[in-house]
Amino acid sequence: MKATGMNENEDAAITGGGIAKKARLELEGKTGKKVVSAESYLPPSKKKLAKGKE
């Protein structure tokens, strides 16, 4: 999609999220394992400063 503006980007995000959900559920069905788990979760990292800035 060539989304420009808030409404169009919202529609694109909803569509993309649906595609990702379908892919995740299909993968979980084929492997029998959860994709998202406590083992695969990475906590948010601390914000890093850009190079040259302190």
N, C-alpha and C. Protein backbone atom coordinates (compact mmCIF):
# COMPACT_ATOMS: atom_id res chain seq x y z
N MET A 1 0.83 -1.18 0.00
CA MET A 1 0.00 0.00 0.00
C MET A 1 0.87 1.24 0.00
N LYS A 2 0.43 2.23 -0.68
CA LYS A 2 1.11 3.51 -0.65
C LYS A 2 0.30 4.43 0.26
N ALA A 3 0.51 4.25 1.56
CA ALA A 3 -0.27 4.99 2.54
C ALA A 3 0.34 6.36 2.81
N THR A 4 -0.50 7.36 2.76
CA THR A 4 -0.09 8.71 3.14
C THR A 4 -1.17 9.25 4.06
N GLY A 5 -0.76 9.74 5.20
CA GLY A 5 -1.73 10.26 6.15
C GLY A 5 -2.07 9.24 7.23
N MET A 6 -2.65 9.75 8.30
CA MET A 6 -2.94 8.92 9.46
C MET A 6 -3.96 7.82 9.17
N ASN A 7 -5.04 8.12 8.52
CA ASN A 7 -6.08 7.12 8.26
C ASN A 7 -5.58 5.99 7.37
N GLU A 8 -4.85 6.34 6.33
CA GLU A 8 -4.33 5.32 5.42
C GLU A 8 -3.30 4.44 6.12
N ASN A 9 -2.45 5.04 6.96
CA ASN A 9 -1.46 4.26 7.69
C ASN A 9 -2.12 3.34 8.71
N GLU A 10 -3.22 3.79 9.30
CA GLU A 10 -3.95 2.94 10.25
C GLU A 10 -4.50 1.71 9.52
N ASP A 11 -5.07 1.91 8.34
CA ASP A 11 -5.60 0.80 7.55
C ASP A 11 -4.49 -0.18 7.16
N ALA A 12 -3.34 0.36 6.77
CA ALA A 12 -2.21 -0.49 6.39
C ALA A 12 -1.70 -1.29 7.59
N ALA A 13 -1.68 -0.66 8.76
CA ALA A 13 -1.23 -1.35 9.97
C ALA A 13 -2.17 -2.48 10.34
N ILE A 14 -3.46 -2.25 10.23
CA ILE A 14 -4.44 -3.29 10.54
C ILE A 14 -4.30 -4.45 9.58
N THR A 15 -4.14 -4.17 8.31
CA THR A 15 -3.96 -5.21 7.30
C THR A 15 -2.69 -6.02 7.57
N GLY A 16 -1.59 -5.32 7.82
CA GLY A 16 -0.32 -5.98 8.10
C GLY A 16 -0.38 -6.83 9.36
N GLY A 17 -1.05 -6.32 10.39
CA GLY A 17 -1.19 -7.09 11.62
C GLY A 17 -1.98 -8.36 11.42
N GLY A 18 -3.00 -8.30 10.57
CA GLY A 18 -3.80 -9.49 10.27
C GLY A 18 -2.97 -10.54 9.54
N ILE A 19 -2.14 -10.10 8.63
CA ILE A 19 -1.27 -11.01 7.88
C ILE A 19 -0.27 -11.66 8.84
N ALA A 20 0.31 -10.86 9.73
CA ALA A 20 1.29 -11.39 10.69
C ALA A 20 0.63 -12.39 11.63
N LYS A 21 -0.59 -12.11 12.07
CA LYS A 21 -1.31 -13.03 12.97
C LYS A 21 -1.56 -14.36 12.28
N LYS A 22 -2.00 -14.29 11.03
CA LYS A 22 -2.28 -15.52 10.28
C LYS A 22 -1.01 -16.35 10.12
N ALA A 23 0.11 -15.70 9.82
CA ALA A 23 1.38 -16.40 9.65
C ALA A 23 1.83 -17.03 10.97
N ARG A 24 1.68 -16.30 12.08
CA ARG A 24 2.07 -16.82 13.38
C ARG A 24 1.23 -18.04 13.76
N LEU A 25 -0.08 -17.95 13.58
CA LEU A 25 -0.95 -19.06 13.92
C LEU A 25 -0.66 -20.28 13.06
N GLU A 26 -0.37 -20.07 11.78
CA GLU A 26 -0.04 -21.18 10.89
C GLU A 26 1.26 -21.85 11.32
N LEU A 27 2.27 -21.05 11.66
CA LEU A 27 3.55 -21.60 12.11
C LEU A 27 3.39 -22.38 13.41
N GLU A 28 2.62 -21.83 14.35
CA GLU A 28 2.38 -22.52 15.61
C GLU A 28 1.63 -23.83 15.38
N GLY A 29 0.72 -23.84 14.45
CA GLY A 29 -0.02 -25.06 14.14
C GLY A 29 0.86 -26.14 13.54
N LYS A 30 1.79 -25.74 12.67
CA LYS A 30 2.67 -26.71 12.03
C LYS A 30 3.74 -27.24 12.96
N THR A 31 4.28 -26.38 13.83
CA THR A 31 5.37 -26.79 14.72
C THR A 31 4.88 -27.32 16.05
N GLY A 32 3.69 -26.92 16.45
CA GLY A 32 3.17 -27.33 17.75
C GLY A 32 3.78 -26.56 18.91
N LYS A 33 4.52 -25.51 18.61
CA LYS A 33 5.16 -24.69 19.64
C LYS A 33 4.67 -23.25 19.52
N LYS A 34 4.63 -22.57 20.66
CA LYS A 34 4.26 -21.15 20.67
C LYS A 34 5.43 -20.33 20.14
N VAL A 35 5.13 -19.32 19.36
CA VAL A 35 6.16 -18.43 18.83
C VAL A 35 6.56 -17.42 19.91
N VAL A 36 5.56 -16.87 20.58
CA VAL A 36 5.81 -15.89 21.64
C VAL A 36 5.71 -16.61 22.97
N SER A 37 6.82 -16.58 23.72
CA SER A 37 6.85 -17.23 25.03
C SER A 37 7.80 -16.46 25.94
N ALA A 38 7.86 -16.86 27.19
CA ALA A 38 8.77 -16.22 28.13
C ALA A 38 10.22 -16.43 27.69
N GLU A 39 10.49 -17.52 27.00
CA GLU A 39 11.85 -17.80 26.53
C GLU A 39 12.24 -16.94 25.34
N SER A 40 11.28 -16.59 24.49
CA SER A 40 11.60 -15.82 23.29
C SER A 40 11.42 -14.32 23.50
N TYR A 41 10.98 -13.92 24.70
CA TYR A 41 10.72 -12.51 24.98
C TYR A 41 12.00 -11.80 25.36
N LEU A 42 12.26 -10.67 24.75
CA LEU A 42 13.40 -9.83 25.12
C LEU A 42 12.87 -8.56 25.77
N PRO A 43 13.31 -8.28 26.98
CA PRO A 43 12.83 -7.04 27.62
C PRO A 43 13.35 -5.83 26.87
N PRO A 44 12.65 -4.70 26.96
CA PRO A 44 13.11 -3.50 26.26
C PRO A 44 14.49 -3.08 26.78
N SER A 45 15.35 -2.72 25.86
CA SER A 45 16.69 -2.30 26.26
C SER A 45 16.68 -0.82 26.59
N LYS A 46 17.70 -0.40 27.32
CA LYS A 46 17.83 1.02 27.65
C LYS A 46 18.16 1.77 26.37
N LYS A 47 17.66 2.98 26.27
CA LYS A 47 17.93 3.77 25.07
C LYS A 47 19.42 4.05 24.97
N LYS A 48 19.93 3.88 23.78
CA LYS A 48 21.34 4.12 23.54
C LYS A 48 21.53 5.52 22.98
N LEU A 49 22.60 6.15 23.34
CA LEU A 49 22.91 7.47 22.80
C LEU A 49 23.50 7.30 21.40
N ALA A 50 23.20 8.23 20.55
CA ALA A 50 23.76 8.23 19.21
C ALA A 50 25.26 8.44 19.30
N LYS A 51 26.00 7.88 18.36
CA LYS A 51 27.45 8.04 18.36
C LYS A 51 27.83 9.51 18.33
N GLY A 52 28.81 9.86 19.13
CA GLY A 52 29.28 11.24 19.15
C GLY A 52 28.51 12.14 20.11
N LYS A 53 27.40 11.65 20.65
CA LYS A 53 26.62 12.44 21.60
C LYS A 53 26.74 11.81 22.97
N GLU A 54 26.92 12.64 23.97
CA GLU A 54 27.03 12.12 25.33
C GLU A 54 26.20 12.93 26.26
